[in-house]
Amino acid sequence: MENRNETRLSMANRLFFRLYQCANMLHKTGSRAIEDDGLTTQQWAVLGALSRPQAAGGMKLGELARYLMVSRQNLAGVIGRLERDGRLESASDARDGRSRVIRMTAAGRQVWQRKALPKIHAFYEQALDGFSVNDMVHTVHYLLKMLENMERIDRPNETKPA
């Protein structure tokens, strides 16, 4: 039993270390893929979230932060730079004047669709070289399972589902 626990802990350490390395390499190589368009991977994530059909009317800052799983404070700086560059705009929410709705501008949508997306798709192809669709499905499945577990850790007062 002790040997199984040691093996499990060793594999967990390797898994999380590789995940850490992948996150760092995504930031490094992903930023390089889109740097000519003046974007970072954080800005890529924001524009990607706002480009989804369900975000066509924009998203409140808090909703966007929850969707991207980042703090509002970290997101505010990224959004500020995208607004400064004319890629995003924010306005008071018509239903709740205290909230701001963030949406992509026409210029932001053009940069996203015509410049960034083709480079991002090429990056995906390179990063996923040798992966079958089935490999990707399994990877997404396991990452979502891990993400759900970490979300429970983030909310310690909730009970584990039966």
N, C-alpha and C. Protein backbone atom coordinates (compact mmCIF):
# COMPACT_ATOMS: atom_id res chain seq x y z
N MET A 1 0.82 -1.19 0.00
CA MET A 1 0.00 0.00 0.00
C MET A 1 0.87 1.27 0.00
N GLU A 2 1.92 1.25 0.82
CA GLU A 2 2.81 2.41 0.90
C GLU A 2 3.48 2.67 -0.45
N ASN A 3 3.87 1.61 -1.16
CA ASN A 3 4.50 1.73 -2.45
C ASN A 3 3.53 2.36 -3.46
N ARG A 4 2.24 1.96 -3.40
CA ARG A 4 1.23 2.56 -4.29
C ARG A 4 1.08 4.05 -4.02
N ASN A 5 1.08 4.44 -2.75
CA ASN A 5 0.97 5.86 -2.40
C ASN A 5 2.19 6.64 -2.89
N GLU A 6 3.37 6.07 -2.73
CA GLU A 6 4.59 6.72 -3.21
C GLU A 6 4.54 6.88 -4.73
N THR A 7 4.10 5.85 -5.43
CA THR A 7 3.98 5.91 -6.89
C THR A 7 2.97 6.98 -7.29
N ARG A 8 1.84 7.01 -6.60
CA ARG A 8 0.80 8.01 -6.90
C ARG A 8 1.32 9.42 -6.67
N LEU A 9 2.01 9.65 -5.56
CA LEU A 9 2.56 10.98 -5.28
C LEU A 9 3.65 11.36 -6.28
N SER A 10 4.46 10.41 -6.67
CA SER A 10 5.50 10.66 -7.65
C SER A 10 4.88 11.05 -9.00
N MET A 11 3.86 10.31 -9.40
CA MET A 11 3.18 10.62 -10.68
C MET A 11 2.46 11.95 -10.59
N ALA A 12 1.84 12.25 -9.45
CA ALA A 12 1.16 13.54 -9.27
C ALA A 12 2.16 14.68 -9.40
N ASN A 13 3.33 14.53 -8.80
CA ASN A 13 4.36 15.54 -8.89
C ASN A 13 4.79 15.75 -10.34
N ARG A 14 5.01 14.66 -11.06
CA ARG A 14 5.40 14.75 -12.47
C ARG A 14 4.31 15.42 -13.30
N LEU A 15 3.06 15.04 -13.05
CA LEU A 15 1.93 15.60 -13.80
C LEU A 15 1.82 17.11 -13.59
N PHE A 16 1.83 17.54 -12.33
CA PHE A 16 1.69 18.96 -12.06
C PHE A 16 2.90 19.75 -12.53
N PHE A 17 4.08 19.17 -12.46
CA PHE A 17 5.26 19.85 -12.97
C PHE A 17 5.16 20.02 -14.49
N ARG A 18 4.72 18.98 -15.19
CA ARG A 18 4.55 19.08 -16.65
C ARG A 18 3.46 20.09 -17.01
N LEU A 19 2.42 20.14 -16.23
CA LEU A 19 1.35 21.12 -16.45
C LEU A 19 1.91 22.54 -16.28
N TYR A 20 2.73 22.73 -15.25
CA TYR A 20 3.39 24.01 -15.01
C TYR A 20 4.28 24.38 -16.20
N GLN A 21 5.06 23.41 -16.68
CA GLN A 21 5.93 23.66 -17.82
C GLN A 21 5.11 24.01 -19.06
N CYS A 22 4.01 23.28 -19.28
CA CYS A 22 3.16 23.57 -20.44
C CYS A 22 2.58 24.98 -20.37
N ALA A 23 2.14 25.40 -19.19
CA ALA A 23 1.59 26.75 -19.02
C ALA A 23 2.65 27.80 -19.35
N ASN A 24 3.87 27.57 -18.87
CA ASN A 24 4.95 28.52 -19.15
C ASN A 24 5.29 28.55 -20.64
N MET A 25 5.34 27.38 -21.26
CA MET A 25 5.65 27.33 -22.68
C MET A 25 4.51 27.90 -23.53
N LEU A 26 3.27 27.71 -23.10
CA LEU A 26 2.14 28.32 -23.80
C LEU A 26 2.30 29.84 -23.79
N HIS A 27 2.63 30.38 -22.63
CA HIS A 27 2.81 31.83 -22.53
C HIS A 27 3.96 32.29 -23.44
N LYS A 28 5.07 31.58 -23.37
CA LYS A 28 6.27 31.98 -24.15
C LYS A 28 6.05 31.82 -25.65
N THR A 29 5.68 30.62 -26.10
CA THR A 29 5.56 30.37 -27.54
C THR A 29 4.28 30.95 -28.12
N GLY A 30 3.21 30.97 -27.31
CA GLY A 30 1.97 31.57 -27.77
C GLY A 30 2.12 33.06 -27.98
N SER A 31 2.80 33.72 -27.05
CA SER A 31 3.04 35.17 -27.20
C SER A 31 3.87 35.45 -28.44
N ARG A 32 4.86 34.60 -28.67
CA ARG A 32 5.71 34.78 -29.86
C ARG A 32 4.88 34.65 -31.14
N ALA A 33 3.89 33.76 -31.13
CA ALA A 33 3.07 33.53 -32.34
C ALA A 33 2.25 34.75 -32.72
N ILE A 34 1.88 35.57 -31.74
CA ILE A 34 0.98 36.70 -32.02
C ILE A 34 1.58 38.06 -31.68
N GLU A 35 2.87 38.09 -31.35
CA GLU A 35 3.48 39.36 -30.92
C GLU A 35 3.50 40.41 -32.03
N ASP A 36 3.55 39.99 -33.29
CA ASP A 36 3.55 40.96 -34.40
C ASP A 36 2.25 41.75 -34.45
N ASP A 37 1.20 41.21 -33.86
CA ASP A 37 -0.09 41.90 -33.82
C ASP A 37 -0.25 42.69 -32.52
N GLY A 38 0.81 42.75 -31.72
CA GLY A 38 0.79 43.51 -30.48
C GLY A 38 -0.05 42.86 -29.40
N LEU A 39 -0.17 41.53 -29.43
CA LEU A 39 -0.99 40.82 -28.46
C LEU A 39 -0.13 39.94 -27.57
N THR A 40 -0.64 39.70 -26.37
CA THR A 40 -0.05 38.74 -25.44
C THR A 40 -1.03 37.57 -25.30
N THR A 41 -0.58 36.50 -24.66
CA THR A 41 -1.49 35.36 -24.47
C THR A 41 -2.67 35.74 -23.57
N GLN A 42 -2.46 36.67 -22.62
CA GLN A 42 -3.58 37.11 -21.79
C GLN A 42 -4.61 37.86 -22.64
N GLN A 43 -4.12 38.71 -23.53
CA GLN A 43 -5.04 39.44 -24.42
C GLN A 43 -5.71 38.48 -25.39
N TRP A 44 -4.99 37.47 -25.84
CA TRP A 44 -5.54 36.43 -26.71
C TRP A 44 -6.71 35.76 -26.00
N ALA A 45 -6.54 35.43 -24.73
CA ALA A 45 -7.62 34.78 -23.97
C ALA A 45 -8.84 35.69 -23.85
N VAL A 46 -8.62 36.96 -23.58
CA VAL A 46 -9.74 37.91 -23.44
C VAL A 46 -10.47 38.05 -24.77
N LEU A 47 -9.73 38.28 -25.84
CA LEU A 47 -10.37 38.43 -27.16
C LEU A 47 -11.07 37.14 -27.57
N GLY A 48 -10.47 36.01 -27.27
CA GLY A 48 -11.11 34.73 -27.58
C GLY A 48 -12.41 34.56 -26.83
N ALA A 49 -12.43 34.92 -25.55
CA ALA A 49 -13.65 34.81 -24.75
C ALA A 49 -14.74 35.73 -25.30
N LEU A 50 -14.36 36.94 -25.68
CA LEU A 50 -15.34 37.91 -26.18
C LEU A 50 -15.76 37.63 -27.62
N SER A 51 -15.02 36.79 -28.33
CA SER A 51 -15.37 36.48 -29.73
C SER A 51 -16.40 35.37 -29.84
N ARG A 52 -16.69 34.70 -28.72
CA ARG A 52 -17.67 33.60 -28.74
C ARG A 52 -19.06 34.15 -29.02
N PRO A 53 -19.90 33.39 -29.75
CA PRO A 53 -21.25 33.86 -30.05
C PRO A 53 -22.05 34.25 -28.80
N GLN A 54 -21.89 33.50 -27.70
CA GLN A 54 -22.64 33.80 -26.49
C GLN A 54 -22.18 35.08 -25.81
N ALA A 55 -21.07 35.67 -26.27
CA ALA A 55 -20.58 36.94 -25.72
C ALA A 55 -20.74 38.07 -26.72
N ALA A 56 -21.60 37.88 -27.72
CA ALA A 56 -21.76 38.88 -28.77
C ALA A 56 -22.15 40.25 -28.22
N GLY A 57 -22.92 40.28 -27.14
CA GLY A 57 -23.33 41.56 -26.54
C GLY A 57 -22.34 42.07 -25.52
N GLY A 58 -21.23 41.37 -25.35
CA GLY A 58 -20.23 41.74 -24.37
C GLY A 58 -20.39 40.93 -23.10
N MET A 59 -19.50 41.15 -22.16
CA MET A 59 -19.53 40.46 -20.87
C MET A 59 -19.20 41.46 -19.77
N LYS A 60 -19.84 41.28 -18.62
CA LYS A 60 -19.48 42.08 -17.46
C LYS A 60 -18.08 41.67 -17.04
N LEU A 61 -17.35 42.59 -16.43
CA LEU A 61 -15.98 42.32 -16.00
C LEU A 61 -15.92 41.10 -15.08
N GLY A 62 -16.82 41.01 -14.12
CA GLY A 62 -16.84 39.87 -13.20
C GLY A 62 -17.10 38.55 -13.91
N GLU A 63 -18.02 38.57 -14.87
CA GLU A 63 -18.31 37.35 -15.65
C GLU A 63 -17.08 36.91 -16.44
N LEU A 64 -16.41 37.88 -17.04
CA LEU A 64 -15.23 37.58 -17.83
C LEU A 64 -14.11 37.04 -16.94
N ALA A 65 -13.94 37.62 -15.77
CA ALA A 65 -12.92 37.14 -14.82
C ALA A 65 -13.22 35.71 -14.39
N ARG A 66 -14.48 35.42 -14.09
CA ARG A 66 -14.85 34.05 -13.70
C ARG A 66 -14.65 33.08 -14.85
N TYR A 67 -15.02 33.47 -16.06
CA TYR A 67 -14.86 32.61 -17.22
C TYR A 67 -13.39 32.27 -17.46
N LEU A 68 -12.52 33.27 -17.33
CA LEU A 68 -11.09 33.07 -17.56
C LEU A 68 -10.35 32.56 -16.32
N MET A 69 -11.06 32.54 -15.18
CA MET A 69 -10.49 32.09 -13.90
C MET A 69 -9.28 32.92 -13.49
N VAL A 70 -9.44 34.23 -13.58
CA VAL A 70 -8.42 35.18 -13.14
C VAL A 70 -9.08 36.19 -12.22
N SER A 71 -8.27 36.93 -11.49
CA SER A 71 -8.83 37.96 -10.61
C SER A 71 -9.27 39.16 -11.43
N ARG A 72 -10.24 39.87 -10.90
CA ARG A 72 -10.70 41.10 -11.56
C ARG A 72 -9.56 42.09 -11.69
N GLN A 73 -8.69 42.14 -10.66
CA GLN A 73 -7.58 43.08 -10.67
C GLN A 73 -6.60 42.76 -11.81
N ASN A 74 -6.26 41.48 -11.98
CA ASN A 74 -5.36 41.11 -13.08
C ASN A 74 -6.00 41.39 -14.43
N LEU A 75 -7.29 41.12 -14.54
CA LEU A 75 -7.99 41.32 -15.79
C LEU A 75 -8.12 42.80 -16.14
N ALA A 76 -8.27 43.65 -15.13
CA ALA A 76 -8.44 45.08 -15.37
C ALA A 76 -7.27 45.67 -16.15
N GLY A 77 -6.04 45.27 -15.82
CA GLY A 77 -4.88 45.78 -16.53
C GLY A 77 -4.85 45.34 -17.99
N VAL A 78 -5.19 44.09 -18.23
CA VAL A 78 -5.21 43.55 -19.60
C VAL A 78 -6.27 44.29 -20.41
N ILE A 79 -7.45 44.47 -19.81
CA ILE A 79 -8.55 45.16 -20.50
C ILE A 79 -8.17 46.62 -20.76
N GLY A 80 -7.53 47.25 -19.79
CA GLY A 80 -7.10 48.64 -19.98
C GLY A 80 -6.18 48.80 -21.18
N ARG A 81 -5.24 47.87 -21.35
CA ARG A 81 -4.33 47.94 -22.49
C ARG A 81 -5.07 47.69 -23.81
N LEU A 82 -6.02 46.75 -23.79
CA LEU A 82 -6.79 46.47 -25.01
C LEU A 82 -7.70 47.65 -25.36
N GLU A 83 -8.22 48.33 -24.34
CA GLU A 83 -9.02 49.54 -24.60
C GLU A 83 -8.14 50.64 -25.16
N ARG A 84 -6.98 50.83 -24.56
CA ARG A 84 -6.02 51.85 -25.02
C ARG A 84 -5.67 51.64 -26.49
N ASP A 85 -5.54 50.35 -26.88
CA ASP A 85 -5.18 50.03 -28.26
C ASP A 85 -6.38 50.00 -29.20
N GLY A 86 -7.57 50.31 -28.68
CA GLY A 86 -8.77 50.39 -29.52
C GLY A 86 -9.38 49.04 -29.86
N ARG A 87 -9.03 48.00 -29.12
CA ARG A 87 -9.54 46.66 -29.43
C ARG A 87 -10.75 46.28 -28.60
N LEU A 88 -10.92 46.96 -27.48
CA LEU A 88 -12.09 46.74 -26.62
C LEU A 88 -12.68 48.07 -26.24
N GLU A 89 -13.94 48.02 -25.84
CA GLU A 89 -14.61 49.19 -25.27
C GLU A 89 -15.43 48.72 -24.09
N SER A 90 -15.67 49.62 -23.15
CA SER A 90 -16.52 49.27 -22.02
C SER A 90 -17.56 50.36 -21.86
N ALA A 91 -18.72 49.93 -21.38
CA ALA A 91 -19.82 50.86 -21.17
C ALA A 91 -20.61 50.39 -19.96
N SER A 92 -21.38 51.30 -19.39
CA SER A 92 -22.24 50.93 -18.27
C SER A 92 -23.27 49.92 -18.73
N ASP A 93 -23.53 48.95 -17.88
CA ASP A 93 -24.56 47.95 -18.16
C ASP A 93 -25.92 48.63 -18.07
N ALA A 94 -26.75 48.46 -19.10
CA ALA A 94 -28.07 49.09 -19.13
C ALA A 94 -28.95 48.60 -17.97
N ARG A 95 -28.77 47.35 -17.54
CA ARG A 95 -29.58 46.79 -16.45
C ARG A 95 -29.01 47.09 -15.07
N ASP A 96 -27.70 47.30 -14.98
CA ASP A 96 -27.05 47.54 -13.70
C ASP A 96 -25.96 48.57 -13.92
N GLY A 97 -26.28 49.81 -13.68
CA GLY A 97 -25.37 50.92 -13.96
C GLY A 97 -24.04 50.83 -13.24
N ARG A 98 -23.96 50.04 -12.16
CA ARG A 98 -22.70 49.89 -11.42
C ARG A 98 -21.73 48.99 -12.17
N SER A 99 -22.23 48.13 -13.03
CA SER A 99 -21.38 47.18 -13.77
C SER A 99 -20.99 47.74 -15.12
N ARG A 100 -19.82 47.30 -15.57
CA ARG A 100 -19.34 47.68 -16.90
C ARG A 100 -19.37 46.45 -17.79
N VAL A 101 -19.83 46.65 -19.02
CA VAL A 101 -19.85 45.58 -20.02
C VAL A 101 -18.68 45.82 -20.97
N ILE A 102 -17.91 44.77 -21.15
CA ILE A 102 -16.73 44.82 -22.01
C ILE A 102 -17.10 44.15 -23.33
N ARG A 103 -16.80 44.82 -24.43
CA ARG A 103 -17.04 44.20 -25.74
C ARG A 103 -15.92 44.56 -26.70
N MET A 104 -15.80 43.73 -27.71
CA MET A 104 -14.78 43.95 -28.73
C MET A 104 -15.24 45.07 -29.67
N THR A 105 -14.31 45.92 -30.06
CA THR A 105 -14.62 46.95 -31.05
C THR A 105 -14.52 46.33 -32.45
N ALA A 106 -14.96 47.08 -33.45
CA ALA A 106 -14.83 46.60 -34.83
C ALA A 106 -13.35 46.40 -35.17
N ALA A 107 -12.49 47.31 -34.71
CA ALA A 107 -11.05 47.17 -34.97
C ALA A 107 -10.50 45.95 -34.25
N GLY A 108 -10.95 45.71 -33.03
CA GLY A 108 -10.52 44.54 -32.27
C GLY A 108 -10.94 43.25 -32.94
N ARG A 109 -12.18 43.23 -33.45
CA ARG A 109 -12.69 42.05 -34.14
C ARG A 109 -11.89 41.78 -35.41
N GLN A 110 -11.51 42.84 -36.11
CA GLN A 110 -10.72 42.68 -37.33
C GLN A 110 -9.33 42.12 -37.00
N VAL A 111 -8.68 42.66 -35.98
CA VAL A 111 -7.36 42.14 -35.58
C VAL A 111 -7.50 40.67 -35.18
N TRP A 112 -8.56 40.36 -34.41
CA TRP A 112 -8.76 39.00 -33.94
C TRP A 112 -8.98 38.03 -35.11
N GLN A 113 -9.94 38.36 -35.98
CA GLN A 113 -10.33 37.44 -37.04
C GLN A 113 -9.33 37.35 -38.18
N ARG A 114 -8.79 38.48 -38.59
CA ARG A 114 -7.95 38.48 -39.80
C ARG A 114 -6.48 38.27 -39.52
N LYS A 115 -6.02 38.72 -38.37
CA LYS A 115 -4.59 38.63 -38.09
C LYS A 115 -4.26 37.55 -37.06
N ALA A 116 -4.89 37.63 -35.89
CA ALA A 116 -4.51 36.73 -34.79
C ALA A 116 -4.96 35.29 -35.02
N LEU A 117 -6.22 35.08 -35.38
CA LEU A 117 -6.74 33.71 -35.50
C LEU A 117 -5.95 32.82 -36.44
N PRO A 118 -5.59 33.29 -37.63
CA PRO A 118 -4.78 32.40 -38.49
C PRO A 118 -3.47 31.99 -37.83
N LYS A 119 -2.83 32.91 -37.11
CA LYS A 119 -1.58 32.59 -36.42
C LYS A 119 -1.83 31.64 -35.25
N ILE A 120 -2.93 31.84 -34.55
CA ILE A 120 -3.28 30.97 -33.43
C ILE A 120 -3.57 29.56 -33.93
N HIS A 121 -4.30 29.46 -35.03
CA HIS A 121 -4.60 28.14 -35.60
C HIS A 121 -3.31 27.43 -36.03
N ALA A 122 -2.38 28.17 -36.61
CA ALA A 122 -1.10 27.58 -37.00
C ALA A 122 -0.32 27.13 -35.76
N PHE A 123 -0.39 27.93 -34.70
CA PHE A 123 0.25 27.56 -33.43
C PHE A 123 -0.35 26.27 -32.89
N TYR A 124 -1.69 26.17 -32.91
CA TYR A 124 -2.35 24.94 -32.45
C TYR A 124 -1.84 23.73 -33.22
N GLU A 125 -1.75 23.86 -34.53
CA GLU A 125 -1.30 22.73 -35.35
C GLU A 125 0.11 22.29 -34.96
N GLN A 126 0.99 23.25 -34.72
CA GLN A 126 2.36 22.91 -34.33
C GLN A 126 2.39 22.30 -32.93
N ALA A 127 1.67 22.91 -31.99
CA ALA A 127 1.70 22.45 -30.60
C ALA A 127 1.03 21.08 -30.45
N LEU A 128 0.09 20.76 -31.32
CA LEU A 128 -0.63 19.49 -31.22
C LEU A 128 -0.19 18.48 -32.29
N ASP A 129 0.99 18.71 -32.84
CA ASP A 129 1.53 17.78 -33.83
C ASP A 129 1.60 16.38 -33.23
N GLY A 130 1.07 15.41 -33.94
CA GLY A 130 1.08 14.03 -33.46
C GLY A 130 -0.11 13.66 -32.61
N PHE A 131 -0.98 14.62 -32.28
CA PHE A 131 -2.19 14.34 -31.52
C PHE A 131 -3.33 14.00 -32.48
N SER A 132 -4.01 12.90 -32.22
CA SER A 132 -5.22 12.60 -32.98
C SER A 132 -6.37 13.38 -32.35
N VAL A 133 -7.50 13.43 -33.02
CA VAL A 133 -8.68 14.06 -32.43
C VAL A 133 -9.04 13.33 -31.14
N ASN A 134 -8.92 12.01 -31.15
CA ASN A 134 -9.20 11.22 -29.95
C ASN A 134 -8.25 11.59 -28.80
N ASP A 135 -6.99 11.80 -29.11
CA ASP A 135 -6.02 12.24 -28.08
C ASP A 135 -6.47 13.57 -27.48
N MET A 136 -6.91 14.49 -28.33
CA MET A 136 -7.34 15.80 -27.85
C MET A 136 -8.59 15.68 -26.98
N VAL A 137 -9.53 14.84 -27.38
CA VAL A 137 -10.75 14.64 -26.60
C VAL A 137 -10.39 14.11 -25.21
N HIS A 138 -9.53 13.13 -25.16
CA HIS A 138 -9.12 12.56 -23.87
C HIS A 138 -8.38 13.58 -23.02
N THR A 139 -7.51 14.36 -23.64
CA THR A 139 -6.76 15.38 -22.90
C THR A 139 -7.72 16.42 -22.31
N VAL A 140 -8.66 16.89 -23.11
CA VAL A 140 -9.65 17.86 -22.60
C VAL A 140 -10.45 17.25 -21.46
N HIS A 141 -10.84 15.99 -21.60
CA HIS A 141 -11.59 15.30 -20.55
C HIS A 141 -10.83 15.32 -19.23
N TYR A 142 -9.56 14.92 -19.27
CA TYR A 142 -8.78 14.84 -18.04
C TYR A 142 -8.45 16.22 -17.47
N LEU A 143 -8.21 17.18 -18.33
CA LEU A 143 -7.96 18.54 -17.84
C LEU A 143 -9.22 19.12 -17.18
N LEU A 144 -10.39 18.86 -17.77
CA LEU A 144 -11.63 19.33 -17.15
C LEU A 144 -11.87 18.66 -15.80
N LYS A 145 -11.56 17.39 -15.72
CA LYS A 145 -11.71 16.66 -14.46
C LYS A 145 -10.80 17.27 -13.38
N MET A 146 -9.56 17.56 -13.75
CA MET A 146 -8.62 18.18 -12.82
C MET A 146 -9.08 19.59 -12.45
N LEU A 147 -9.57 20.33 -13.42
CA LEU A 147 -10.06 21.69 -13.19
C LEU A 147 -11.23 21.69 -12.20
N GLU A 148 -12.15 20.75 -12.37
CA GLU A 148 -13.28 20.65 -11.44
C GLU A 148 -12.79 20.38 -10.02
N ASN A 149 -11.81 19.51 -9.88
CA ASN A 149 -11.25 19.22 -8.55
C ASN A 149 -10.58 20.46 -7.95
N MET A 150 -9.85 21.19 -8.77
CA MET A 150 -9.18 22.39 -8.26
C MET A 150 -10.19 23.48 -7.93
N GLU A 151 -11.30 23.55 -8.69
CA GLU A 151 -12.36 24.51 -8.34
C GLU A 151 -12.95 24.19 -6.98
N ARG A 152 -13.10 22.90 -6.67
CA ARG A 152 -13.59 22.51 -5.34
C ARG A 152 -12.60 22.92 -4.25
N ILE A 153 -11.32 22.79 -4.53
CA ILE A 153 -10.29 23.23 -3.58
C ILE A 153 -10.41 24.74 -3.35
N ASP A 154 -10.72 25.46 -4.43
CA ASP A 154 -10.84 26.91 -4.36
C ASP A 154 -12.06 27.35 -3.55
N ARG A 155 -13.05 26.46 -3.44
CA ARG A 155 -14.27 26.75 -2.68
C ARG A 155 -14.37 25.70 -1.56
N PRO A 156 -13.56 25.83 -0.50
CA PRO A 156 -13.45 24.78 0.51
C PRO A 156 -14.72 24.52 1.32
N ASN A 157 -15.66 25.43 1.35
CA ASN A 157 -16.85 25.24 2.18
C ASN A 157 -17.95 24.44 1.49
N GLU A 158 -17.75 24.13 0.23
CA GLU A 158 -18.75 23.33 -0.49
C GLU A 158 -18.47 21.85 -0.25
N THR A 159 -19.51 21.07 -0.29
CA THR A 159 -19.35 19.62 -0.11
C THR A 159 -19.13 18.96 -1.44
N LYS A 160 -18.45 17.84 -1.40
CA LYS A 160 -18.17 17.06 -2.60
C LYS A 160 -19.45 16.37 -3.06
N PRO A 161 -19.77 16.43 -4.39
CA PRO A 161 -20.97 15.77 -4.87
C PRO A 161 -20.91 14.26 -4.64
N ALA A 162 -22.08 13.68 -4.38
CA ALA A 162 -22.16 12.23 -4.10
C ALA A 162 -21.99 11.42 -5.35
